[in-house]
Amino acid sequence: MKIEALMIQDPITVGSQASIQEAIELMKVNSIRHLPVVGDDRKLLGFVTLADLKQGLIPSMVSGLSLTDLMIKNPITVRPEDDIEIGAQLIFKHKIGGLPVVKGKRLVGIITVTDLLGAFINMMGLLSASSRIDVVIADRPGSLKKAIQIINDHGGDIINIAMTAQRKGKRDYYFRLTQCETQGIRAALEEEGFEVLEALN
């Protein structure tokens, strides 16, 4: 999936000449926490967060601190055609809440950690009625295929599969299934030597 599919298009922005108070009011009125700062033709100049602005509000009243003093200059950005994995990695690595989306230097959107989390929840089917089986599977040829076959043979319709990183020649696999009775599947897996960590209806 591409950033373009998730980003907020034509996001609310602020000009560099706006005051800190104006920027805070704009964010409060629109219930947003990230605000791109733009110049002519929506050229991205910087990026501010509500937390940064609130911290700078009192100093600005005393020392004349401006919005451009507080904004993040040359913020980390992504392009509409980038994969969402790139956005997620950047947000996680830099511990930030959102990214401006640019074409060249022109702002075309914004993507936040909430947007990415929503996509993850949707892809994992977490909001739909479902069941789950967590199984430890050895990293041997055919082991995963065998587990999938057992699940299918005993009435499990797999929506998606997630897994942990390899550890000591095995991984934990999380099979999300359309809602079903999981105890029979669990018994069949254990009978074939698989360790079942959890079986949720």
Foldseek 3Di string as FASTA:
>chain_A
DFQLVQWAFPDAAAEQPDFLVVVLVVCVVVVHFKHFYADPQQQTAFIGGNVQSVVCVVVCVVPVDGPVNRTHGPDDAAERGHHVVVVVVVCVVVVDFKHFYDDPRHTTGIHGPVSVVVVVCVLQVVPPAWKKWKWKFFQDPPGVVVLVVLCVVVPWAFSDKDWDDDDPRIIIIMTITHDDDCPVSCVSCVVVPIDIPDTGD
